[in-house]
Amino acid sequence: MAGALIAFACRESFKLEGAYKGFLTFIAKTKLINLYIKKYGAELAFGQRMFIDWESGHRLIEEYLNRKGDKL
């Protein structure tokens, strides 16, 4: 599931020190840009480069990684 992978990367970025703590940047395939915006709260920086800010990252972590009742 892509959402869980993105949420995991966001969670790892919160562990980093420095100014970019909690941010995730990536280059998206053109056809997926709108999906990343709508489903994951990503924002378009320029061209195909996108980012997820700390607020959207926190929401994804809660939604995909901190679910109650999930069995692993």
PDB file of N, CA and C in Angstrom:
ATOM      1  N   MET A   1       0.842  -1.178   0.000  1.00  0.00           N
ATOM      2  CA  MET A   1       0.000   0.000   0.000  1.00  0.00           C
ATOM      3  C   MET A   1       0.889   1.243   0.000  1.00  0.00           C
ATOM      4  N   ALA A   2       0.704   2.083  -0.988  1.00  0.00           N
ATOM      5  CA  ALA A   2       1.532   3.284  -1.130  1.00  0.00           C
ATOM      6  C   ALA A   2       1.357   4.234   0.045  1.00  0.00           C
ATOM      7  N   GLY A   3       0.157   4.362   0.571  1.00  0.00           N
ATOM      8  CA  GLY A   3      -0.094   5.273   1.688  1.00  0.00           C
ATOM      9  C   GLY A   3       0.733   4.921   2.909  1.00  0.00           C
ATOM     10  N   ALA A   4       0.851   3.639   3.206  1.00  0.00           N
ATOM     11  CA  ALA A   4       1.645   3.208   4.363  1.00  0.00           C
ATOM     12  C   ALA A   4       3.128   3.500   4.140  1.00  0.00           C
ATOM     13  N   LEU A   5       3.602   3.314   2.931  1.00  0.00           N
ATOM     14  CA  LEU A   5       5.004   3.591   2.623  1.00  0.00           C
ATOM     15  C   LEU A   5       5.298   5.084   2.729  1.00  0.00           C
ATOM     16  N   ILE A   6       4.414   5.911   2.211  1.00  0.00           N
ATOM     17  CA  ILE A   6       4.584   7.359   2.309  1.00  0.00           C
ATOM     18  C   ILE A   6       4.521   7.793   3.767  1.00  0.00           C
ATOM     19  N   ALA A   7       3.580   7.247   4.526  1.00  0.00           N
ATOM     20  CA  ALA A   7       3.466   7.577   5.948  1.00  0.00           C
ATOM     21  C   ALA A   7       4.718   7.166   6.710  1.00  0.00           C
ATOM     22  N   PHE A   8       5.277   6.017   6.379  1.00  0.00           N
ATOM     23  CA  PHE A   8       6.508   5.561   7.019  1.00  0.00           C
ATOM     24  C   PHE A   8       7.651   6.539   6.738  1.00  0.00           C
ATOM     25  N   ALA A   9       7.773   6.978   5.476  1.00  0.00           N
ATOM     26  CA  ALA A   9       8.818   7.944   5.125  1.00  0.00           C
ATOM     27  C   ALA A   9       8.615   9.266   5.870  1.00  0.00           C
ATOM     28  N   CYS A  10       7.364   9.690   6.022  1.00  0.00           N
ATOM     29  CA  CYS A  10       7.076  10.905   6.788  1.00  0.00           C
ATOM     30  C   CYS A  10       7.482  10.729   8.244  1.00  0.00           C
ATOM     31  N   ARG A  11       7.171   9.585   8.814  1.00  0.00           N
ATOM     32  CA  ARG A  11       7.539   9.317  10.203  1.00  0.00           C
ATOM     33  C   ARG A  11       9.056   9.340  10.380  1.00  0.00           C
ATOM     34  N   GLU A  12       9.775   8.769   9.433  1.00  0.00           N
ATOM     35  CA  GLU A  12      11.233   8.776   9.502  1.00  0.00           C
ATOM     36  C   GLU A  12      11.775  10.203   9.396  1.00  0.00           C
ATOM     37  N   SER A  13      11.125  11.047   8.597  1.00  0.00           N
ATOM     38  CA  SER A  13      11.609  12.421   8.441  1.00  0.00           C
ATOM     39  C   SER A  13      11.447  13.217   9.732  1.00  0.00           C
ATOM     40  N   PHE A  14      10.464  12.867  10.573  1.00  0.00           N
ATOM     41  CA  PHE A  14      10.312  13.539  11.860  1.00  0.00           C
ATOM     42  C   PHE A  14      11.475  13.209  12.801  1.00  0.00           C
ATOM     43  N   LYS A  15      12.164  12.122  12.550  1.00  0.00           N
ATOM     44  CA  LYS A  15      13.288  11.728  13.395  1.00  0.00           C
ATOM     45  C   LYS A  15      14.562  12.520  13.070  1.00  0.00           C
ATOM     46  N   LEU A  16      14.582  13.192  11.940  1.00  0.00           N
ATOM     47  CA  LEU A  16      15.754  13.937  11.508  1.00  0.00           C
ATOM     48  C   LEU A  16      15.877  15.255  12.258  1.00  0.00           C
ATOM     49  N   GLU A  17      17.091  15.693  12.394  1.00  0.00           N
ATOM     50  CA  GLU A  17      17.359  17.010  12.983  1.00  0.00           C
ATOM     51  C   GLU A  17      17.460  18.032  11.853  1.00  0.00           C
ATOM     52  N   GLY A  18      17.176  19.275  12.155  1.00  0.00           N
ATOM     53  CA  GLY A  18      17.363  20.334  11.171  1.00  0.00           C
ATOM     54  C   GLY A  18      16.063  20.958  10.706  1.00  0.00           C
ATOM     55  N   ALA A  19      16.190  21.839   9.733  1.00  0.00           N
ATOM     56  CA  ALA A  19      15.075  22.664   9.269  1.00  0.00           C
ATOM     57  C   ALA A  19      14.012  21.877   8.509  1.00  0.00           C
ATOM     58  N   TYR A  20      14.347  20.740   7.964  1.00  0.00           N
ATOM     59  CA  TYR A  20      13.399  19.999   7.128  1.00  0.00           C
ATOM     60  C   TYR A  20      12.698  18.880   7.886  1.00  0.00           C
ATOM     61  N   LYS A  21      12.774  18.913   9.182  1.00  0.00           N
ATOM     62  CA  LYS A  21      12.158  17.882  10.020  1.00  0.00           C
ATOM     63  C   LYS A  21      10.664  17.789   9.724  1.00  0.00           C
ATOM     64  N   GLY A  22      10.215  16.600   9.356  1.00  0.00           N
ATOM     65  CA  GLY A  22       8.798  16.388   9.096  1.00  0.00           C
ATOM     66  C   GLY A  22       8.383  16.589   7.655  1.00  0.00           C
ATOM     67  N   PHE A  23       9.288  17.011   6.789  1.00  0.00           N
ATOM     68  CA  PHE A  23       8.963  17.208   5.379  1.00  0.00           C
ATOM     69  C   PHE A  23       9.464  16.045   4.542  1.00  0.00           C
ATOM     70  N   LEU A  24       8.750  15.774   3.471  1.00  0.00           N
ATOM     71  CA  LEU A  24       9.122  14.714   2.546  1.00  0.00           C
ATOM     72  C   LEU A  24       9.073  15.301   1.142  1.00  0.00           C
ATOM     73  N   THR A  25      10.113  15.128   0.366  1.00  0.00           N
ATOM     74  CA  THR A  25      10.120  15.579  -1.027  1.00  0.00           C
ATOM     75  C   THR A  25      10.321  14.378  -1.939  1.00  0.00           C
ATOM     76  N   PHE A  26       9.752  14.485  -3.124  1.00  0.00           N
ATOM     77  CA  PHE A  26       9.878  13.399  -4.087  1.00  0.00           C
ATOM     78  C   PHE A  26       9.549  13.914  -5.486  1.00  0.00           C
ATOM     79  N   ILE A  27       9.921  13.135  -6.480  1.00  0.00           N
ATOM     80  CA  ILE A  27       9.599  13.445  -7.866  1.00  0.00           C
ATOM     81  C   ILE A  27       8.531  12.450  -8.305  1.00  0.00           C
ATOM     82  N   ALA A  28       7.416  12.984  -8.752  1.00  0.00           N
ATOM     83  CA  ALA A  28       6.268  12.148  -9.127  1.00  0.00           C
ATOM     84  C   ALA A  28       6.204  11.939 -10.626  1.00  0.00           C
ATOM     85  N   LYS A  29       5.668  10.802 -11.011  1.00  0.00           N
ATOM     86  CA  LYS A  29       5.341  10.607 -12.417  1.00  0.00           C
ATOM     87  C   LYS A  29       4.177  11.548 -12.738  1.00  0.00           C
ATOM     88  N   THR A  30       4.182  12.098 -13.933  1.00  0.00           N
ATOM     89  CA  THR A  30       3.195  13.099 -14.319  1.00  0.00           C
ATOM     90  C   THR A  30       1.760  12.622 -14.085  1.00  0.00           C
ATOM     91  N   LYS A  31       1.474  11.384 -14.406  1.00  0.00           N
ATOM     92  CA  LYS A  31       0.109  10.871 -14.279  1.00  0.00           C
ATOM     93  C   LYS A  31      -0.343  10.731 -12.827  1.00  0.00           C
ATOM     94  N   LEU A  32       0.576  10.729 -11.882  1.00  0.00           N
ATOM     95  CA  LEU A  32       0.225  10.517 -10.477  1.00  0.00           C
ATOM     96  C   LEU A  32       0.148  11.807  -9.656  1.00  0.00           C
ATOM     97  N   ILE A  33       0.490  12.925 -10.236  1.00  0.00           N
ATOM     98  CA  ILE A  33       0.532  14.180  -9.486  1.00  0.00           C
ATOM     99  C   ILE A  33      -0.804  14.478  -8.817  1.00  0.00           C
ATOM    100  N   ASN A  34      -1.893  14.418  -9.552  1.00  0.00           N
ATOM    101  CA  ASN A  34      -3.210  14.726  -8.973  1.00  0.00           C
ATOM    102  C   ASN A  34      -3.600  13.738  -7.873  1.00  0.00           C
ATOM    103  N   LEU A  35      -3.228  12.481  -8.010  1.00  0.00           N
ATOM    104  CA  LEU A  35      -3.503  11.490  -6.974  1.00  0.00           C
ATOM    105  C   LEU A  35      -2.776  11.851  -5.687  1.00  0.00           C
ATOM    106  N   TYR A  36      -1.494  12.200  -5.793  1.00  0.00           N
ATOM    107  CA  TYR A  36      -0.722  12.570  -4.602  1.00  0.00           C
ATOM    108  C   TYR A  36      -1.307  13.803  -3.914  1.00  0.00           C
ATOM    109  N   ILE A  37      -1.799  14.730  -4.702  1.00  0.00           N
ATOM    110  CA  ILE A  37      -2.401  15.933  -4.132  1.00  0.00           C
ATOM    111  C   ILE A  37      -3.691  15.591  -3.394  1.00  0.00           C
ATOM    112  N   LYS A  38      -4.568  14.868  -4.053  1.00  0.00           N
ATOM    113  CA  LYS A  38      -5.890  14.569  -3.477  1.00  0.00           C
ATOM    114  C   LYS A  38      -5.840  13.558  -2.342  1.00  0.00           C
ATOM    115  N   LYS A  39      -5.090  12.488  -2.519  1.00  0.00           N
ATOM    116  CA  LYS A  39      -5.121  11.393  -1.556  1.00  0.00           C
ATOM    117  C   LYS A  39      -4.149  11.566  -0.389  1.00  0.00           C
ATOM    118  N   TYR A  40      -2.989  12.188  -0.654  1.00  0.00           N
ATOM    119  CA  TYR A  40      -1.957  12.240   0.372  1.00  0.00           C
ATOM    120  C   TYR A  40      -1.620  13.654   0.853  1.00  0.00           C
ATOM    121  N   GLY A  41      -2.271  14.664   0.283  1.00  0.00           N
ATOM    122  CA  GLY A  41      -2.043  16.036   0.724  1.00  0.00           C
ATOM    123  C   GLY A  41      -0.722  16.623   0.263  1.00  0.00           C
ATOM    124  N   ALA A  42      -0.144  16.052  -0.786  1.00  0.00           N
ATOM    125  CA  ALA A  42       1.120  16.572  -1.315  1.00  0.00           C
ATOM    126  C   ALA A  42       0.870  17.891  -2.041  1.00  0.00           C
ATOM    127  N   GLU A  43       1.928  18.660  -2.157  1.00  0.00           N
ATOM    128  CA  GLU A  43       1.857  19.933  -2.877  1.00  0.00           C
ATOM    129  C   GLU A  43       2.908  19.937  -3.970  1.00  0.00           C
ATOM    130  N   LEU A  44       2.591  20.600  -5.057  1.00  0.00           N
ATOM    131  CA  LEU A  44       3.499  20.687  -6.185  1.00  0.00           C
ATOM    132  C   LEU A  44       4.454  21.847  -5.958  1.00  0.00           C
ATOM    133  N   ALA A  45       5.747  21.577  -6.011  1.00  0.00           N
ATOM    134  CA  ALA A  45       6.748  22.629  -5.829  1.00  0.00           C
ATOM    135  C   ALA A  45       7.062  23.269  -7.193  1.00  0.00           C
ATOM    136  N   PHE A  46       7.573  22.476  -8.107  1.00  0.00           N
ATOM    137  CA  PHE A  46       7.802  22.916  -9.478  1.00  0.00           C
ATOM    138  C   PHE A  46       8.053  21.682 -10.324  1.00  0.00           C
ATOM    139  N   GLY A  47       7.653  21.759 -11.567  1.00  0.00           N
ATOM    140  CA  GLY A  47       7.799  20.607 -12.453  1.00  0.00           C
ATOM    141  C   GLY A  47       7.080  19.405 -11.864  1.00  0.00           C
ATOM    142  N   GLN A  48       7.805  18.325 -11.705  1.00  0.00           N
ATOM    143  CA  GLN A  48       7.248  17.114 -11.123  1.00  0.00           C
ATOM    144  C   GLN A  48       7.686  16.924  -9.669  1.00  0.00           C
ATOM    145  N   ARG A  49       8.415  17.886  -9.133  1.00  0.00           N
ATOM    146  CA  ARG A  49       8.881  17.806  -7.746  1.00  0.00           C
ATOM    147  C   ARG A  49       7.745  18.187  -6.815  1.00  0.00           C
ATOM    148  N   MET A  50       7.499  17.319  -5.848  1.00  0.00           N
ATOM    149  CA  MET A  50       6.403  17.517  -4.909  1.00  0.00           C
ATOM    150  C   MET A  50       6.932  17.412  -3.486  1.00  0.00           C
ATOM    151  N   PHE A  51       6.116  17.874  -2.533  1.00  0.00           N
ATOM    152  CA  PHE A  51       6.494  17.729  -1.133  1.00  0.00           C
ATOM    153  C   PHE A  51       5.259  17.499  -0.281  1.00  0.00           C
ATOM    154  N   ILE A  52       5.483  16.883   0.853  1.00  0.00           N
ATOM    155  CA  ILE A  52       4.451  16.705   1.871  1.00  0.00           C
ATOM    156  C   ILE A  52       4.960  17.435   3.099  1.00  0.00           C
ATOM    157  N   ASP A  53       4.176  18.407   3.579  1.00  0.00           N
ATOM    158  CA  ASP A  53       4.610  19.179   4.746  1.00  0.00           C
ATOM    159  C   ASP A  53       4.346  18.389   6.021  1.00  0.00           C
ATOM    160  N   TRP A  54       4.814  18.933   7.149  1.00  0.00           N
ATOM    161  CA  TRP A  54       4.734  18.202   8.408  1.00  0.00           C
ATOM    162  C   TRP A  54       3.288  17.948   8.845  1.00  0.00           C
ATOM    163  N   GLU A  55       2.367  18.851   8.526  1.00  0.00           N
ATOM    164  CA  GLU A  55       0.971  18.651   8.932  1.00  0.00           C
ATOM    165  C   GLU A  55       0.332  17.489   8.169  1.00  0.00           C
ATOM    166  N   SER A  56       0.524  17.472   6.852  1.00  0.00           N
ATOM    167  CA  SER A  56      -0.004  16.369   6.049  1.00  0.00           C
ATOM    168  C   SER A  56       0.692  15.060   6.410  1.00  0.00           C
ATOM    169  N   GLY A  57       1.992  15.141   6.682  1.00  0.00           N
ATOM    170  CA  GLY A  57       2.732  13.951   7.091  1.00  0.00           C
ATOM    171  C   GLY A  57       2.194  13.371   8.386  1.00  0.00           C
ATOM    172  N   HIS A  58       1.904  14.238   9.336  1.00  0.00           N
ATOM    173  CA  HIS A  58       1.347  13.782  10.615  1.00  0.00           C
ATOM    174  C   HIS A  58      -0.007  13.108  10.407  1.00  0.00           C
ATOM    175  N   ARG A  59      -0.831  13.676   9.540  1.00  0.00           N
ATOM    176  CA  ARG A  59      -2.136  13.085   9.238  1.00  0.00           C
ATOM    177  C   ARG A  59      -1.973  11.703   8.607  1.00  0.00           C
ATOM    178  N   LEU A  60      -1.027  11.568   7.692  1.00  0.00           N
ATOM    179  CA  LEU A  60      -0.793  10.273   7.055  1.00  0.00           C
ATOM    180  C   LEU A  60      -0.300   9.237   8.053  1.00  0.00           C
ATOM    181  N   ILE A  61       0.556   9.641   8.962  1.00  0.00           N
ATOM    182  CA  ILE A  61       1.048   8.729   9.997  1.00  0.00           C
ATOM    183  C   ILE A  61      -0.118   8.228  10.842  1.00  0.00           C
ATOM    184  N   GLU A  62      -0.988   9.132  11.240  1.00  0.00           N
ATOM    185  CA  GLU A  62      -2.151   8.741  12.038  1.00  0.00           C
ATOM    186  C   GLU A  62      -3.076   7.813  11.249  1.00  0.00           C
ATOM    187  N   GLU A  63      -3.289   8.134   9.987  1.00  0.00           N
ATOM    188  CA  GLU A  63      -4.217   7.355   9.165  1.00  0.00           C
ATOM    189  C   GLU A  63      -3.694   5.962   8.809  1.00  0.00           C
ATOM    190  N   TYR A  64      -2.417   5.870   8.448  1.00  0.00           N
ATOM    191  CA  TYR A  64      -1.891   4.608   7.934  1.00  0.00           C
ATOM    192  C   TYR A  64      -1.084   3.788   8.931  1.00  0.00           C
ATOM    193  N   LEU A  65      -0.488   4.429   9.931  1.00  0.00           N
ATOM    194  CA  LEU A  65       0.400   3.682  10.830  1.00  0.00           C
ATOM    195  C   LEU A  65      -0.120   3.565  12.251  1.00  0.00           C
ATOM    196  N   ASN A  66      -1.013   4.424  12.661  1.00  0.00           N
ATOM    197  CA  ASN A  66      -1.499   4.397  14.043  1.00  0.00           C
ATOM    198  C   ASN A  66      -2.956   3.963  14.126  1.00  0.00           C
ATOM    199  N   ARG A  67      -3.370   3.097  13.243  1.00  0.00           N
ATOM    200  CA  ARG A  67      -4.749   2.612  13.226  1.00  0.00           C
ATOM    201  C   ARG A  67      -4.999   1.698  14.415  1.00  0.00           C
ATOM    202  N   LYS A  68      -6.135   1.838  15.008  1.00  0.00           N
ATOM    203  CA  LYS A  68      -6.545   0.942  16.098  1.00  0.00           C
ATOM    204  C   LYS A  68      -7.167  -0.315  15.488  1.00  0.00           C
ATOM    205  N   GLY A  69      -6.828  -1.440  16.028  1.00  0.00           N
ATOM    206  CA  GLY A  69      -7.429  -2.690  15.589  1.00  0.00           C
ATOM    207  C   GLY A  69      -6.758  -3.368  14.419  1.00  0.00           C
ATOM    208  N   ASP A  70      -5.741  -2.732  13.842  1.00  0.00           N
ATOM    209  CA  ASP A  70      -5.034  -3.385  12.741  1.00  0.00           C
ATOM    210  C   ASP A  70      -4.235  -4.563  13.277  1.00  0.00           C
ATOM    211  N   LYS A  71      -4.270  -5.654  12.550  1.00  0.00           N
ATOM    212  CA  LYS A  71      -3.491  -6.827  12.913  1.00  0.00           C
ATOM    213  C   LYS A  71      -2.317  -6.937  11.964  1.00  0.00           C
ATOM    214  N   LEU A  72      -1.133  -7.047  12.527  1.00  0.00           N
ATOM    215  CA  LEU A  72       0.068  -7.152  11.701  1.00  0.00           C
ATOM    216  C   LEU A  72       0.496  -8.585  11.556  1.00  0.00           C
TER     217      LEU A  72
END
